[in-house]
Every structure is written in C-alpha cells, then in structure tokens.
Amino acid sequence: MSVENVVGLVVAVSLLGYLALALLFPERF
C-alpha cells in the first residue's frame, strides 16, 4: 500500500469513529 492510501484510510476511519461517538454520546459534543 502507498502512503496516500494509508493516510486516506486513517482519515476515513477517524471520521467514522468520530461520527459514531457523536451519535452514541451526543451530550459530549
């Protein structure tokens, strides 16, 4: 895998995790 693929994957996973946390714990955001 190239560096661009790894960076894109990390960004996508972090965004999905942030959205999931915002949905599960709305009082923290």
PDB file of N, CA and C in Angstrom:
ATOM      1  N   MET A   1       0.849  -1.201   0.000  1.00  0.00           N
ATOM      2  CA  MET A   1       0.000   0.000   0.000  1.00  0.00           C
ATOM      3  C   MET A   1       0.880   1.246   0.000  1.00  0.00           C
ATOM      4  N   SER A   2       0.429   2.270  -0.684  1.00  0.00           N
ATOM      5  CA  SER A   2       1.196   3.503  -0.751  1.00  0.00           C
ATOM      6  C   SER A   2       0.865   4.406   0.437  1.00  0.00           C
ATOM      7  N   VAL A   3       1.649   5.454   0.583  1.00  0.00           N
ATOM      8  CA  VAL A   3       1.449   6.366   1.716  1.00  0.00           C
ATOM      9  C   VAL A   3       0.093   7.052   1.611  1.00  0.00           C
ATOM     10  N   GLU A   4      -0.297   7.439   0.393  1.00  0.00           N
ATOM     11  CA  GLU A   4      -1.585   8.115   0.222  1.00  0.00           C
ATOM     12  C   GLU A   4      -2.740   7.222   0.647  1.00  0.00           C
ATOM     13  N   ASN A   5      -2.660   5.930   0.322  1.00  0.00           N
ATOM     14  CA  ASN A   5      -3.725   5.006   0.712  1.00  0.00           C
ATOM     15  C   ASN A   5      -3.809   4.884   2.225  1.00  0.00           C
ATOM     16  N   VAL A   6      -2.657   4.803   2.888  1.00  0.00           N
ATOM     17  CA  VAL A   6      -2.661   4.669   4.348  1.00  0.00           C
ATOM     18  C   VAL A   6      -3.234   5.927   4.988  1.00  0.00           C
ATOM     19  N   VAL A   7      -2.832   7.090   4.507  1.00  0.00           N
ATOM     20  CA  VAL A   7      -3.328   8.349   5.080  1.00  0.00           C
ATOM     21  C   VAL A   7      -4.834   8.472   4.866  1.00  0.00           C
ATOM     22  N   GLY A   8      -5.302   8.142   3.674  1.00  0.00           N
ATOM     23  CA  GLY A   8      -6.733   8.216   3.407  1.00  0.00           C
ATOM     24  C   GLY A   8      -7.515   7.262   4.281  1.00  0.00           C
ATOM     25  N   LEU A   9      -6.960   6.064   4.492  1.00  0.00           N
ATOM     26  CA  LEU A   9      -7.637   5.080   5.331  1.00  0.00           C
ATOM     27  C   LEU A   9      -7.726   5.575   6.774  1.00  0.00           C
ATOM     28  N   VAL A  10      -6.639   6.144   7.281  1.00  0.00           N
ATOM     29  CA  VAL A  10      -6.638   6.637   8.663  1.00  0.00           C
ATOM     30  C   VAL A  10      -7.647   7.770   8.824  1.00  0.00           C
ATOM     31  N   VAL A  11      -7.693   8.677   7.857  1.00  0.00           N
ATOM     32  CA  VAL A  11      -8.632   9.802   7.935  1.00  0.00           C
ATOM     33  C   VAL A  11     -10.072   9.305   7.892  1.00  0.00           C
ATOM     34  N   ALA A  12     -10.353   8.352   6.999  1.00  0.00           N
ATOM     35  CA  ALA A  12     -11.717   7.833   6.884  1.00  0.00           C
ATOM     36  C   ALA A  12     -12.137   7.124   8.166  1.00  0.00           C
ATOM     37  N   VAL A  13     -11.246   6.310   8.732  1.00  0.00           N
ATOM     38  CA  VAL A  13     -11.588   5.574   9.956  1.00  0.00           C
ATOM     39  C   VAL A  13     -11.792   6.542  11.117  1.00  0.00           C
ATOM     40  N   SER A  14     -10.934   7.562  11.221  1.00  0.00           N
ATOM     41  CA  SER A  14     -11.081   8.511  12.327  1.00  0.00           C
ATOM     42  C   SER A  14     -12.381   9.303  12.196  1.00  0.00           C
ATOM     43  N   LEU A  15     -12.751   9.680  10.970  1.00  0.00           N
ATOM     44  CA  LEU A  15     -14.006  10.408  10.783  1.00  0.00           C
ATOM     45  C   LEU A  15     -15.204   9.532  11.125  1.00  0.00           C
ATOM     46  N   LEU A  16     -15.164   8.267  10.698  1.00  0.00           N
ATOM     47  CA  LEU A  16     -16.271   7.358  11.013  1.00  0.00           C
ATOM     48  C   LEU A  16     -16.365   7.141  12.518  1.00  0.00           C
ATOM     49  N   GLY A  17     -15.228   6.995  13.181  1.00  0.00           N
ATOM     50  CA  GLY A  17     -15.235   6.805  14.632  1.00  0.00           C
ATOM     51  C   GLY A  17     -15.778   8.032  15.347  1.00  0.00           C
ATOM     52  N   TYR A  18     -15.401   9.224  14.857  1.00  0.00           N
ATOM     53  CA  TYR A  18     -15.897  10.449  15.481  1.00  0.00           C
ATOM     54  C   TYR A  18     -17.407  10.581  15.319  1.00  0.00           C
ATOM     55  N   LEU A  19     -17.901  10.248  14.123  1.00  0.00           N
ATOM     56  CA  LEU A  19     -19.349  10.318  13.899  1.00  0.00           C
ATOM     57  C   LEU A  19     -20.078   9.301  14.761  1.00  0.00           C
ATOM     58  N   ALA A  20     -19.512   8.106  14.904  1.00  0.00           N
ATOM     59  CA  ALA A  20     -20.153   7.079  15.728  1.00  0.00           C
ATOM     60  C   ALA A  20     -20.195   7.532  17.188  1.00  0.00           C
ATOM     61  N   LEU A  21     -19.104   8.122  17.677  1.00  0.00           N
ATOM     62  CA  LEU A  21     -19.093   8.599  19.061  1.00  0.00           C
ATOM     63  C   LEU A  21     -20.081   9.747  19.245  1.00  0.00           C
ATOM     64  N   ALA A  22     -20.180  10.626  18.251  1.00  0.00           N
ATOM     65  CA  ALA A  22     -21.121  11.747  18.350  1.00  0.00           C
ATOM     66  C   ALA A  22     -22.560  11.236  18.399  1.00  0.00           C
ATOM     67  N   LEU A  23     -22.838  10.134  17.687  1.00  0.00           N
ATOM     68  CA  LEU A  23     -24.195   9.577  17.720  1.00  0.00           C
ATOM     69  C   LEU A  23     -24.456   8.848  19.033  1.00  0.00           C
ATOM     70  N   LEU A  24     -23.434   8.162  19.561  1.00  0.00           N
ATOM     71  CA  LEU A  24     -23.630   7.382  20.788  1.00  0.00           C
ATOM     72  C   LEU A  24     -23.633   8.281  22.022  1.00  0.00           C
ATOM     73  N   PHE A  25     -22.781   9.321  22.017  1.00  0.00           N
ATOM     74  CA  PHE A  25     -22.682  10.204  23.185  1.00  0.00           C
ATOM     75  C   PHE A  25     -22.887  11.653  22.755  1.00  0.00           C
ATOM     76  N   PRO A  26     -24.131  12.039  22.420  1.00  0.00           N
ATOM     77  CA  PRO A  26     -24.364  13.413  21.925  1.00  0.00           C
ATOM     78  C   PRO A  26     -24.138  14.479  22.994  1.00  0.00           C
ATOM     79  N   GLU A  27     -24.197  14.090  24.271  1.00  0.00           N
ATOM     80  CA  GLU A  27     -24.031  15.114  25.309  1.00  0.00           C
ATOM     81  C   GLU A  27     -22.585  15.579  25.424  1.00  0.00           C
ATOM     82  N   ARG A  28     -21.643  14.839  24.835  1.00  0.00           N
ATOM     83  CA  ARG A  28     -20.237  15.236  24.935  1.00  0.00           C
ATOM     84  C   ARG A  28     -19.818  16.170  23.809  1.00  0.00           C
ATOM     85  N   PHE A  29     -20.682  16.358  22.799  1.00  0.00           N
ATOM     86  CA  PHE A  29     -20.273  17.170  21.661  1.00  0.00           C
ATOM     87  C   PHE A  29     -21.151  18.404  21.536  1.00  0.00           C
TER      88      PHE A  29
END
